[in-house]
Amino acid sequence: MTTEETSPSNDQVESSSPTEKACDEEWRKYRSNFPSISYMTSKELVQQEDKVMLVDVRTDAEQKVSMIPNSMTFEEWKQNELPKLIQADADDSSKKADNNKIVFYCTIGYRSGVEAKKFQDAYPDLKFYSLDGIVPYTQLGLPLVERNQTNKEEQPKETNRVHVFGPAWSKFANPEFDVVIFSKTKFLMEGIAVKFKQFFGGTK
């Protein structure tokens, strides 16, 4: 899949603050690692969010801090939605799931790019995008939501807390948000937990 836009839009060029500009520049560095993957900005996302399938590819611990509204976890998507998309494509190859833009997101576009590339190669008839990330999303001034792990029917609680992966990325978040940074030990333990689950639970 080719990238759908090769130059920044006027809105991106005319960023209203140095923080926004720095955040956009940082995202472009990561995006350049995946030239074959289509991408989407947070501004574009909110304009068409009812037409996309938004997937958070970050770790469970990061998702517990906050998520972008109307997004699902990576595990939820792989278990519940991906099989449906594959089946729909197989049932009617002429449609090729054109109505489903699958948008992966992480902190600022690297992990989402990795996953989008992997799944695009595996399922070329589906449409995968990499979002600029949850940190650029904060620049819109819109609230994030707390992950609701108990009652899926309840309205998610809004929050201004955002996980920024590490100190180096804290400067790219909207200063009105409370940034959360985990220690290296916590990330190591989270990684071990994921590998354990994959090995014993059969999750890929």
N, C-alpha and C. Protein backbone atom coordinates (compact mmCIF):
# COMPACT_ATOMS: atom_id res chain seq x y z
N MET A 1 0.85 -1.19 0.00
CA MET A 1 0.00 0.00 0.00
C MET A 1 0.88 1.24 0.00
N THR A 2 0.53 2.16 -0.81
CA THR A 2 1.32 3.38 -0.90
C THR A 2 0.81 4.44 0.05
N THR A 3 1.70 5.32 0.45
CA THR A 3 1.31 6.42 1.33
C THR A 3 0.39 7.35 0.58
N GLU A 4 -0.69 7.79 1.22
CA GLU A 4 -1.71 8.56 0.53
C GLU A 4 -1.43 10.05 0.50
N GLU A 5 -0.43 10.49 1.25
CA GLU A 5 -0.14 11.91 1.27
C GLU A 5 1.37 12.06 1.36
N THR A 6 1.97 12.90 0.54
CA THR A 6 3.41 13.01 0.51
C THR A 6 3.93 14.31 1.09
N SER A 7 3.04 15.23 1.36
CA SER A 7 3.46 16.51 1.93
C SER A 7 2.49 16.92 3.01
N PRO A 8 2.94 17.69 3.98
CA PRO A 8 2.06 18.09 5.08
C PRO A 8 0.93 18.97 4.61
N SER A 9 -0.22 18.84 5.29
CA SER A 9 -1.35 19.68 4.96
C SER A 9 -1.12 21.08 5.51
N ASN A 10 -1.95 22.04 5.10
CA ASN A 10 -1.82 23.40 5.59
C ASN A 10 -1.98 23.47 7.10
N ASP A 11 -2.89 22.63 7.63
CA ASP A 11 -3.10 22.62 9.07
C ASP A 11 -1.85 22.19 9.80
N GLN A 12 -1.12 21.22 9.21
CA GLN A 12 0.09 20.73 9.85
C GLN A 12 1.20 21.77 9.76
N VAL A 13 1.33 22.41 8.62
CA VAL A 13 2.38 23.40 8.43
C VAL A 13 2.17 24.57 9.37
N GLU A 14 0.90 24.96 9.56
CA GLU A 14 0.59 26.12 10.38
C GLU A 14 0.27 25.71 11.82
N SER A 15 1.08 24.81 12.38
CA SER A 15 0.88 24.39 13.76
C SER A 15 0.91 25.61 14.66
N SER A 16 0.05 25.63 15.64
CA SER A 16 -0.13 26.84 16.44
C SER A 16 0.86 26.99 17.58
N SER A 17 1.71 26.01 17.82
CA SER A 17 2.66 26.13 18.92
C SER A 17 3.94 25.38 18.59
N PRO A 18 5.06 25.77 19.23
CA PRO A 18 6.32 25.05 19.03
C PRO A 18 6.22 23.58 19.43
N THR A 19 5.41 23.29 20.45
CA THR A 19 5.24 21.91 20.88
C THR A 19 4.59 21.07 19.80
N GLU A 20 3.57 21.62 19.15
CA GLU A 20 2.90 20.91 18.06
C GLU A 20 3.86 20.65 16.91
N LYS A 21 4.65 21.66 16.57
CA LYS A 21 5.60 21.51 15.47
C LYS A 21 6.65 20.45 15.79
N ALA A 22 7.16 20.48 17.02
CA ALA A 22 8.17 19.49 17.43
C ALA A 22 7.58 18.09 17.43
N CYS A 23 6.34 17.96 17.88
CA CYS A 23 5.65 16.68 17.90
C CYS A 23 5.46 16.14 16.49
N ASP A 24 5.06 17.01 15.58
CA ASP A 24 4.85 16.61 14.19
C ASP A 24 6.16 16.17 13.54
N GLU A 25 7.23 16.87 13.82
CA GLU A 25 8.54 16.53 13.27
C GLU A 25 9.02 15.17 13.79
N GLU A 26 8.77 14.93 15.08
CA GLU A 26 9.18 13.65 15.67
C GLU A 26 8.41 12.50 15.04
N TRP A 27 7.11 12.69 14.84
CA TRP A 27 6.30 11.65 14.23
C TRP A 27 6.78 11.35 12.81
N ARG A 28 7.15 12.38 12.07
CA ARG A 28 7.60 12.18 10.69
C ARG A 28 8.88 11.34 10.63
N LYS A 29 9.71 11.46 11.65
CA LYS A 29 10.93 10.64 11.71
C LYS A 29 10.56 9.16 11.78
N TYR A 30 9.59 8.83 12.63
CA TYR A 30 9.18 7.44 12.76
C TYR A 30 8.45 6.97 11.51
N ARG A 31 7.62 7.84 10.96
CA ARG A 31 6.85 7.47 9.77
C ARG A 31 7.75 7.11 8.60
N SER A 32 8.91 7.75 8.52
CA SER A 32 9.82 7.50 7.40
C SER A 32 10.38 6.08 7.40
N ASN A 33 10.23 5.37 8.52
CA ASN A 33 10.68 3.98 8.58
C ASN A 33 9.74 3.03 7.85
N PHE A 34 8.54 3.51 7.51
CA PHE A 34 7.54 2.64 6.89
C PHE A 34 6.95 3.32 5.66
N PRO A 35 7.76 3.51 4.62
CA PRO A 35 7.29 4.25 3.44
C PRO A 35 6.14 3.59 2.69
N SER A 36 5.94 2.30 2.86
CA SER A 36 4.87 1.61 2.13
C SER A 36 3.55 1.61 2.87
N ILE A 37 3.53 2.13 4.10
CA ILE A 37 2.32 2.10 4.91
C ILE A 37 1.59 3.43 4.87
N SER A 38 0.29 3.37 4.66
CA SER A 38 -0.53 4.58 4.69
C SER A 38 -0.60 5.09 6.13
N TYR A 39 -0.75 6.38 6.27
CA TYR A 39 -0.80 6.96 7.60
C TYR A 39 -2.00 7.87 7.74
N MET A 40 -2.29 8.22 8.98
CA MET A 40 -3.41 9.10 9.26
C MET A 40 -3.03 9.99 10.44
N THR A 41 -3.38 11.28 10.35
CA THR A 41 -3.12 12.19 11.46
C THR A 41 -4.31 12.17 12.42
N SER A 42 -4.09 12.64 13.62
CA SER A 42 -5.18 12.70 14.60
C SER A 42 -6.29 13.63 14.12
N LYS A 43 -5.92 14.70 13.45
CA LYS A 43 -6.93 15.62 12.91
C LYS A 43 -7.81 14.92 11.88
N GLU A 44 -7.20 14.10 11.04
CA GLU A 44 -7.97 13.35 10.05
C GLU A 44 -8.84 12.30 10.73
N LEU A 45 -8.33 11.71 11.80
CA LEU A 45 -9.07 10.68 12.51
C LEU A 45 -10.39 11.21 13.05
N VAL A 46 -10.37 12.34 13.72
CA VAL A 46 -11.59 12.85 14.35
C VAL A 46 -12.61 13.29 13.30
N GLN A 47 -12.16 13.52 12.08
CA GLN A 47 -13.07 13.91 11.01
C GLN A 47 -13.79 12.71 10.40
N GLN A 48 -13.26 11.52 10.61
CA GLN A 48 -13.86 10.34 10.00
C GLN A 48 -13.85 9.13 10.93
N GLU A 49 -13.90 9.37 12.25
CA GLU A 49 -13.74 8.28 13.21
C GLU A 49 -14.84 7.24 13.12
N ASP A 50 -16.01 7.61 12.58
CA ASP A 50 -17.08 6.62 12.45
C ASP A 50 -16.82 5.68 11.28
N LYS A 51 -15.78 5.95 10.50
CA LYS A 51 -15.48 5.12 9.34
C LYS A 51 -14.21 4.30 9.53
N VAL A 52 -13.64 4.33 10.73
CA VAL A 52 -12.40 3.61 10.96
C VAL A 52 -12.53 2.63 12.12
N MET A 53 -11.64 1.67 12.14
CA MET A 53 -11.51 0.71 13.22
C MET A 53 -10.20 1.05 13.93
N LEU A 54 -10.30 1.68 15.09
CA LEU A 54 -9.13 2.22 15.78
C LEU A 54 -8.60 1.21 16.80
N VAL A 55 -7.31 0.87 16.66
CA VAL A 55 -6.72 -0.21 17.45
C VAL A 55 -5.47 0.28 18.18
N ASP A 56 -5.45 0.10 19.49
CA ASP A 56 -4.33 0.49 20.35
C ASP A 56 -3.35 -0.67 20.45
N VAL A 57 -2.15 -0.53 19.90
CA VAL A 57 -1.18 -1.62 19.90
C VAL A 57 -0.17 -1.52 21.05
N ARG A 58 -0.41 -0.62 21.99
CA ARG A 58 0.51 -0.47 23.13
C ARG A 58 0.30 -1.59 24.14
N THR A 59 1.11 -1.57 25.18
CA THR A 59 1.01 -2.60 26.20
C THR A 59 -0.23 -2.40 27.07
N ASP A 60 -0.59 -3.44 27.79
CA ASP A 60 -1.75 -3.39 28.67
C ASP A 60 -1.60 -2.29 29.72
N ALA A 61 -0.40 -2.15 30.28
CA ALA A 61 -0.16 -1.14 31.31
C ALA A 61 -0.35 0.27 30.78
N GLU A 62 0.10 0.52 29.54
CA GLU A 62 -0.09 1.85 28.93
C GLU A 62 -1.57 2.12 28.69
N GLN A 63 -2.28 1.12 28.23
CA GLN A 63 -3.70 1.28 27.95
C GLN A 63 -4.50 1.58 29.21
N LYS A 64 -4.03 1.07 30.35
CA LYS A 64 -4.74 1.32 31.60
C LYS A 64 -4.62 2.77 32.04
N VAL A 65 -3.60 3.48 31.56
CA VAL A 65 -3.47 4.91 31.87
C VAL A 65 -4.55 5.69 31.13
N SER A 66 -4.65 5.45 29.84
CA SER A 66 -5.69 6.09 29.02
C SER A 66 -5.61 5.55 27.61
N MET A 67 -6.70 5.76 26.86
CA MET A 67 -6.76 5.36 25.46
C MET A 67 -7.49 6.45 24.68
N ILE A 68 -7.33 6.44 23.37
CA ILE A 68 -8.08 7.36 22.52
C ILE A 68 -9.54 6.88 22.50
N PRO A 69 -10.50 7.78 22.60
CA PRO A 69 -11.91 7.36 22.58
C PRO A 69 -12.25 6.49 21.37
N ASN A 70 -13.12 5.53 21.61
CA ASN A 70 -13.64 4.63 20.56
C ASN A 70 -12.58 3.70 19.99
N SER A 71 -11.52 3.45 20.76
CA SER A 71 -10.51 2.51 20.30
C SER A 71 -10.64 1.20 21.06
N MET A 72 -10.07 0.15 20.49
CA MET A 72 -10.07 -1.16 21.15
C MET A 72 -8.62 -1.61 21.33
N THR A 73 -8.43 -2.57 22.22
CA THR A 73 -7.08 -3.07 22.42
C THR A 73 -6.68 -3.96 21.25
N PHE A 74 -5.39 -4.19 21.12
CA PHE A 74 -4.86 -5.03 20.05
C PHE A 74 -5.42 -6.45 20.17
N GLU A 75 -5.48 -6.96 21.41
CA GLU A 75 -5.98 -8.31 21.62
C GLU A 75 -7.45 -8.41 21.25
N GLU A 76 -8.24 -7.40 21.61
CA GLU A 76 -9.66 -7.40 21.26
C GLU A 76 -9.83 -7.43 19.75
N TRP A 77 -9.02 -6.65 19.06
CA TRP A 77 -9.12 -6.59 17.60
C TRP A 77 -8.75 -7.92 16.96
N LYS A 78 -7.65 -8.51 17.41
CA LYS A 78 -7.20 -9.77 16.82
C LYS A 78 -8.18 -10.91 17.08
N GLN A 79 -8.78 -10.91 18.26
CA GLN A 79 -9.69 -12.01 18.61
C GLN A 79 -11.09 -11.82 18.03
N ASN A 80 -11.59 -10.59 18.01
CA ASN A 80 -12.99 -10.35 17.65
C ASN A 80 -13.22 -9.80 16.25
N GLU A 81 -12.33 -8.92 15.79
CA GLU A 81 -12.58 -8.22 14.53
C GLU A 81 -11.81 -8.79 13.34
N LEU A 82 -10.56 -9.13 13.53
CA LEU A 82 -9.76 -9.63 12.42
C LEU A 82 -10.38 -10.86 11.75
N PRO A 83 -10.85 -11.85 12.52
CA PRO A 83 -11.49 -13.00 11.86
C PRO A 83 -12.69 -12.60 11.00
N LYS A 84 -13.46 -11.62 11.45
CA LYS A 84 -14.62 -11.16 10.67
C LYS A 84 -14.17 -10.50 9.37
N LEU A 85 -13.12 -9.71 9.46
CA LEU A 85 -12.61 -9.03 8.27
C LEU A 85 -12.09 -10.03 7.25
N ILE A 86 -11.37 -11.04 7.73
CA ILE A 86 -10.84 -12.07 6.84
C ILE A 86 -11.97 -12.84 6.18
N GLN A 87 -12.99 -13.18 6.97
CA GLN A 87 -14.12 -13.93 6.43
C GLN A 87 -14.91 -13.10 5.43
N ALA A 88 -15.11 -11.81 5.73
CA ALA A 88 -15.85 -10.94 4.82
C ALA A 88 -15.13 -10.81 3.49
N ASP A 89 -13.81 -10.74 3.56
CA ASP A 89 -13.03 -10.62 2.34
C ASP A 89 -13.09 -11.90 1.53
N ALA A 90 -13.09 -13.02 2.22
CA ALA A 90 -13.15 -14.31 1.54
C ALA A 90 -14.53 -14.54 0.91
N ASP A 91 -15.58 -14.07 1.59
CA ASP A 91 -16.94 -14.27 1.09
C ASP A 91 -17.23 -13.44 -0.15
N ASP A 92 -16.64 -12.25 -0.22
CA ASP A 92 -16.90 -11.35 -1.36
C ASP A 92 -15.61 -10.61 -1.68
N SER A 93 -14.80 -11.20 -2.54
CA SER A 93 -13.50 -10.63 -2.85
C SER A 93 -13.60 -9.31 -3.59
N SER A 94 -14.78 -9.03 -4.18
CA SER A 94 -14.94 -7.77 -4.92
C SER A 94 -15.00 -6.59 -3.98
N LYS A 95 -15.44 -6.81 -2.73
CA LYS A 95 -15.54 -5.72 -1.76
C LYS A 95 -14.22 -5.47 -1.04
N LYS A 96 -13.50 -6.55 -0.74
CA LYS A 96 -12.19 -6.46 -0.09
C LYS A 96 -12.21 -5.57 1.14
N ALA A 97 -13.27 -5.63 1.88
CA ALA A 97 -13.39 -4.89 3.15
C ALA A 97 -13.08 -3.41 2.99
N ASP A 98 -13.53 -2.82 1.88
CA ASP A 98 -13.21 -1.42 1.59
C ASP A 98 -13.75 -0.45 2.62
N ASN A 99 -14.80 -0.84 3.32
CA ASN A 99 -15.40 0.08 4.28
C ASN A 99 -14.70 0.08 5.64
N ASN A 100 -13.64 -0.69 5.77
CA ASN A 100 -12.95 -0.80 7.05
C ASN A 100 -11.52 -0.30 6.96
N LYS A 101 -11.29 0.91 7.43
CA LYS A 101 -9.95 1.42 7.55
C LYS A 101 -9.44 1.03 8.93
N ILE A 102 -8.45 0.19 8.97
CA ILE A 102 -7.92 -0.30 10.23
C ILE A 102 -6.75 0.59 10.62
N VAL A 103 -6.92 1.35 11.69
CA VAL A 103 -5.92 2.34 12.09
C VAL A 103 -5.26 1.91 13.40
N PHE A 104 -3.99 1.58 13.33
CA PHE A 104 -3.23 1.23 14.52
C PHE A 104 -2.61 2.49 15.12
N TYR A 105 -2.52 2.53 16.45
CA TYR A 105 -1.82 3.65 17.08
C TYR A 105 -1.02 3.20 18.29
N CYS A 106 0.02 3.98 18.58
CA CYS A 106 0.84 3.75 19.77
C CYS A 106 1.16 5.11 20.38
N THR A 107 2.39 5.32 20.83
CA THR A 107 2.76 6.60 21.43
C THR A 107 2.89 7.68 20.38
N ILE A 108 3.75 7.43 19.38
CA ILE A 108 3.99 8.46 18.37
C ILE A 108 4.37 7.84 17.02
N GLY A 109 3.87 6.63 16.76
CA GLY A 109 3.91 6.10 15.41
C GLY A 109 4.91 5.02 15.06
N TYR A 110 5.77 4.58 15.98
CA TYR A 110 6.73 3.54 15.59
C TYR A 110 6.13 2.14 15.71
N ARG A 111 5.63 1.80 16.89
CA ARG A 111 5.06 0.46 17.06
C ARG A 111 3.86 0.24 16.16
N SER A 112 3.07 1.27 15.96
CA SER A 112 1.92 1.14 15.07
C SER A 112 2.38 0.91 13.64
N GLY A 113 3.49 1.54 13.26
CA GLY A 113 4.05 1.32 11.93
C GLY A 113 4.53 -0.11 11.75
N VAL A 114 5.18 -0.64 12.78
CA VAL A 114 5.66 -2.03 12.74
C VAL A 114 4.50 -2.99 12.54
N GLU A 115 3.44 -2.81 13.34
CA GLU A 115 2.29 -3.71 13.26
C GLU A 115 1.52 -3.54 11.96
N ALA A 116 1.36 -2.30 11.52
CA ALA A 116 0.66 -2.06 10.25
C ALA A 116 1.39 -2.72 9.09
N LYS A 117 2.72 -2.64 9.10
CA LYS A 117 3.53 -3.26 8.04
C LYS A 117 3.37 -4.78 8.08
N LYS A 118 3.41 -5.33 9.27
CA LYS A 118 3.30 -6.79 9.42
C LYS A 118 1.94 -7.29 8.92
N PHE A 119 0.88 -6.63 9.33
CA PHE A 119 -0.46 -7.08 8.94
C PHE A 119 -0.78 -6.74 7.49
N GLN A 120 -0.23 -5.64 6.98
CA GLN A 120 -0.46 -5.31 5.58
C GLN A 120 0.17 -6.35 4.67
N ASP A 121 1.35 -6.81 5.06
CA ASP A 121 2.02 -7.85 4.28
C ASP A 121 1.24 -9.16 4.35
N ALA A 122 0.65 -9.44 5.51
CA ALA A 122 -0.08 -10.70 5.69
C ALA A 122 -1.46 -10.67 5.04
N TYR A 123 -2.09 -9.48 5.04
CA TYR A 123 -3.46 -9.35 4.51
C TYR A 123 -3.53 -8.16 3.54
N PRO A 124 -2.97 -8.30 2.36
CA PRO A 124 -2.88 -7.17 1.41
C PRO A 124 -4.22 -6.62 0.94
N ASP A 125 -5.31 -7.38 1.11
CA ASP A 125 -6.62 -6.90 0.67
C ASP A 125 -7.30 -6.02 1.71
N LEU A 126 -6.74 -5.94 2.91
CA LEU A 126 -7.29 -5.08 3.95
C LEU A 126 -6.53 -3.76 3.96
N LYS A 127 -7.12 -2.75 4.56
CA LYS A 127 -6.50 -1.41 4.58
C LYS A 127 -5.98 -1.08 5.97
N PHE A 128 -4.67 -1.01 6.10
CA PHE A 128 -4.05 -0.70 7.39
C PHE A 128 -3.39 0.67 7.35
N TYR A 129 -3.58 1.41 8.43
CA TYR A 129 -2.98 2.74 8.56
C TYR A 129 -2.23 2.82 9.89
N SER A 130 -1.27 3.71 9.93
CA SER A 130 -0.57 4.02 11.17
C SER A 130 -0.91 5.45 11.56
N LEU A 131 -1.48 5.61 12.75
CA LEU A 131 -1.84 6.95 13.25
C LEU A 131 -0.59 7.65 13.77
N ASP A 132 -0.64 8.99 13.80
CA ASP A 132 0.52 9.71 14.34
C ASP A 132 0.73 9.42 15.82
N GLY A 133 -0.31 8.99 16.55
CA GLY A 133 -0.12 8.51 17.91
C GLY A 133 -0.95 9.22 18.96
N ILE A 134 -0.95 8.65 20.16
CA ILE A 134 -1.75 9.21 21.24
C ILE A 134 -1.16 10.52 21.74
N VAL A 135 0.17 10.68 21.66
CA VAL A 135 0.78 11.95 22.07
C VAL A 135 0.38 13.08 21.12
N PRO A 136 0.50 12.91 19.80
CA PRO A 136 -0.02 13.95 18.90
C PRO A 136 -1.52 14.19 19.07
N TYR A 137 -2.25 13.14 19.44
CA TYR A 137 -3.70 13.31 19.66
C TYR A 137 -3.96 14.32 20.77
N THR A 138 -3.10 14.37 21.78
CA THR A 138 -3.31 15.33 22.87
C THR A 138 -3.24 16.77 22.38
N GLN A 139 -2.55 17.00 21.27
CA GLN A 139 -2.42 18.36 20.75
C GLN A 139 -3.77 18.91 20.28
N LEU A 140 -4.74 18.04 20.05
CA LEU A 140 -6.07 18.49 19.65
C LEU A 140 -6.84 19.09 20.82
N GLY A 141 -6.36 18.84 22.04
CA GLY A 141 -7.05 19.35 23.22
C GLY A 141 -8.28 18.55 23.59
N LEU A 142 -8.46 17.39 22.97
CA LEU A 142 -9.60 16.53 23.26
C LEU A 142 -9.23 15.55 24.38
N PRO A 143 -10.19 15.19 25.22
CA PRO A 143 -9.87 14.28 26.32
C PRO A 143 -9.62 12.85 25.85
N LEU A 144 -8.84 12.13 26.62
CA LEU A 144 -8.68 10.70 26.43
C LEU A 144 -9.68 10.01 27.35
N VAL A 145 -9.71 8.69 27.33
CA VAL A 145 -10.64 7.98 28.20
C VAL A 145 -9.91 6.89 28.97
N GLU A 146 -10.45 6.59 30.15
CA GLU A 146 -9.93 5.49 30.93
C GLU A 146 -10.46 4.18 30.36
N ARG A 147 -9.62 3.19 30.37
CA ARG A 147 -10.03 1.89 29.85
C ARG A 147 -11.02 1.24 30.80
N ASN A 148 -12.17 0.89 30.29
CA ASN A 148 -13.22 0.27 31.10
C ASN A 148 -13.09 -1.24 30.98
N GLN A 149 -12.60 -1.88 32.04
CA GLN A 149 -12.35 -3.32 31.98
C GLN A 149 -13.45 -4.14 32.62
N THR A 150 -14.42 -3.49 33.23
CA THR A 150 -15.47 -4.23 33.92
C THR A 150 -16.78 -4.22 33.15
N ASN A 151 -17.38 -3.05 33.00
CA ASN A 151 -18.66 -2.95 32.32
C ASN A 151 -18.49 -2.23 30.99
N LYS A 152 -18.52 -3.00 29.91
CA LYS A 152 -18.32 -2.43 28.58
C LYS A 152 -19.47 -1.51 28.16
N GLU A 153 -20.59 -1.62 28.84
CA GLU A 153 -21.76 -0.81 28.48
C GLU A 153 -21.68 0.59 29.07
N GLU A 154 -20.88 0.79 30.10
CA GLU A 154 -20.78 2.09 30.73
C GLU A 154 -20.00 3.08 29.85
N GLN A 155 -20.36 4.34 29.94
CA GLN A 155 -19.66 5.38 29.21
C GLN A 155 -18.26 5.54 29.80
N PRO A 156 -17.20 5.47 28.97
CA PRO A 156 -15.84 5.61 29.48
C PRO A 156 -15.63 6.96 30.17
N LYS A 157 -14.87 6.95 31.23
CA LYS A 157 -14.59 8.17 31.98
C LYS A 157 -13.47 8.96 31.30
N GLU A 158 -13.68 10.25 31.11
CA GLU A 158 -12.68 11.09 30.46
C GLU A 158 -11.50 11.35 31.40
N THR A 159 -10.32 11.55 30.82
CA THR A 159 -9.13 11.82 31.60
C THR A 159 -8.14 12.66 30.77
N ASN A 160 -7.26 13.37 31.46
CA ASN A 160 -6.21 14.12 30.78
C ASN A 160 -4.83 13.51 31.07
N ARG A 161 -4.83 12.26 31.54
CA ARG A 161 -3.57 11.55 31.77
C ARG A 161 -3.18 10.82 30.49
N VAL A 162 -1.90 10.87 30.15
CA VAL A 162 -1.43 10.19 28.95
C VAL A 162 -0.05 9.59 29.21
N HIS A 163 0.11 8.35 28.76
CA HIS A 163 1.41 7.71 28.90
C HIS A 163 2.28 8.11 27.71
N VAL A 164 3.53 8.52 27.98
CA VAL A 164 4.40 9.04 26.91
C VAL A 164 5.62 8.16 26.65
N PHE A 165 5.61 6.93 27.17
CA PHE A 165 6.63 5.92 26.92
C PHE A 165 7.95 6.19 27.64
N GLY A 166 8.48 7.42 27.57
CA GLY A 166 9.72 7.76 28.25
C GLY A 166 9.89 9.26 28.36
N PRO A 167 10.85 9.71 29.18
CA PRO A 167 11.07 11.16 29.38
C PRO A 167 11.29 11.93 28.09
N ALA A 168 11.93 11.32 27.12
CA ALA A 168 12.25 12.02 25.86
C ALA A 168 11.01 12.46 25.12
N TRP A 169 9.88 11.77 25.35
CA TRP A 169 8.65 12.09 24.61
C TRP A 169 7.70 12.99 25.38
N SER A 170 8.01 13.27 26.63
CA SER A 170 7.11 14.08 27.45
C SER A 170 6.97 15.50 26.89
N LYS A 171 8.02 16.00 26.25
CA LYS A 171 7.99 17.37 25.73
C LYS A 171 7.08 17.52 24.51
N PHE A 172 6.64 16.40 23.94
CA PHE A 172 5.78 16.47 22.75
C PHE A 172 4.29 16.45 23.09
N ALA A 173 3.96 16.18 24.34
CA ALA A 173 2.55 16.12 24.73
C ALA A 173 2.01 17.52 24.99
N ASN A 174 0.71 17.66 24.85
CA ASN A 174 0.05 18.91 25.20
C ASN A 174 0.34 19.22 26.67
N PRO A 175 0.90 20.40 26.97
CA PRO A 175 1.27 20.72 28.36
C PRO A 175 0.09 20.73 29.33
N GLU A 176 -1.13 20.74 28.81
CA GLU A 176 -2.31 20.70 29.68
C GLU A 176 -2.62 19.28 30.16
N PHE A 177 -1.89 18.29 29.62
CA PHE A 177 -2.11 16.90 30.02
C PHE A 177 -1.08 16.49 31.06
N ASP A 178 -1.49 15.56 31.92
CA ASP A 178 -0.60 14.99 32.92
C ASP A 178 0.10 13.78 32.31
N VAL A 179 1.41 13.86 32.14
CA VAL A 179 2.14 12.77 31.51
C VAL A 179 2.50 11.71 32.54
N VAL A 180 2.49 10.47 32.08
CA VAL A 180 2.83 9.32 32.92
C VAL A 180 4.00 8.60 32.26
N ILE A 181 5.02 8.31 33.04
CA ILE A 181 6.21 7.61 32.54
C ILE A 181 6.49 6.43 33.46
N PHE A 182 6.61 5.25 32.89
CA PHE A 182 6.92 4.07 33.69
C PHE A 182 8.42 3.90 33.84
N SER A 183 8.83 3.25 34.88
CA SER A 183 10.24 2.93 35.06
C SER A 183 10.63 1.81 34.09
N LYS A 184 11.93 1.67 33.85
CA LYS A 184 12.40 0.60 32.96
C LYS A 184 12.04 -0.76 33.51
N THR A 185 12.03 -0.89 34.84
CA THR A 185 11.68 -2.16 35.47
C THR A 185 10.24 -2.55 35.17
N LYS A 186 9.32 -1.57 35.24
CA LYS A 186 7.91 -1.86 34.96
C LYS A 186 7.72 -2.30 33.51
N PHE A 187 8.42 -1.62 32.57
CA PHE A 187 8.30 -2.01 31.17
C PHE A 187 8.88 -3.40 30.93
N LEU A 188 9.98 -3.71 31.63
CA LEU A 188 10.58 -5.04 31.50
C LEU A 188 9.61 -6.11 31.97
N MET A 189 8.98 -5.87 33.13
CA MET A 189 8.04 -6.84 33.67
C MET A 189 6.82 -6.97 32.76
N GLU A 190 6.39 -5.84 32.16
CA GLU A 190 5.26 -5.88 31.24
C GLU A 190 5.61 -6.72 30.02
N GLY A 191 6.82 -6.56 29.50
CA GLY A 191 7.26 -7.34 28.35
C GLY A 191 7.32 -8.82 28.65
N ILE A 192 7.81 -9.18 29.85
CA ILE A 192 7.87 -10.58 30.26
C ILE A 192 6.46 -11.16 30.35
N ALA A 193 5.53 -10.38 30.90
CA ALA A 193 4.14 -10.84 31.02
C ALA A 193 3.52 -11.11 29.66
N VAL A 194 3.81 -10.23 28.68
CA VAL A 194 3.28 -10.42 27.33
C VAL A 194 3.83 -11.69 26.71
N LYS A 195 5.15 -11.91 26.83
CA LYS A 195 5.77 -13.11 26.28
C LYS A 195 5.22 -14.37 26.94
N PHE A 196 4.99 -14.30 28.24
CA PHE A 196 4.43 -15.44 28.98
C PHE A 196 3.04 -15.77 28.45
N LYS A 197 2.24 -14.74 28.25
CA LYS A 197 0.88 -14.93 27.75
C LYS A 197 0.89 -15.51 26.35
N GLN A 198 1.81 -15.02 25.51
CA GLN A 198 1.90 -15.53 24.14
C GLN A 198 2.30 -17.01 24.12
N PHE A 199 3.23 -17.36 25.00
CA PHE A 199 3.76 -18.74 25.00
C PHE A 199 2.73 -19.73 25.52
N PHE A 200 2.07 -19.36 26.63
CA PHE A 200 1.15 -20.30 27.27
C PHE A 200 -0.30 -20.11 26.83
N GLY A 201 -0.60 -18.95 26.27
CA GLY A 201 -1.98 -18.70 25.89
C GLY A 201 -2.23 -18.84 24.40
N GLY A 202 -1.17 -19.00 23.64
CA GLY A 202 -1.32 -19.19 22.21
C GLY A 202 -1.59 -17.91 21.44
N THR A 203 -1.44 -16.74 22.07
CA THR A 203 -1.68 -15.47 21.38
C THR A 203 -0.46 -15.08 20.58
N LYS A 204 -0.67 -14.67 19.36
CA LYS A 204 0.44 -14.23 18.51
C LYS A 204 0.43 -12.73 18.34
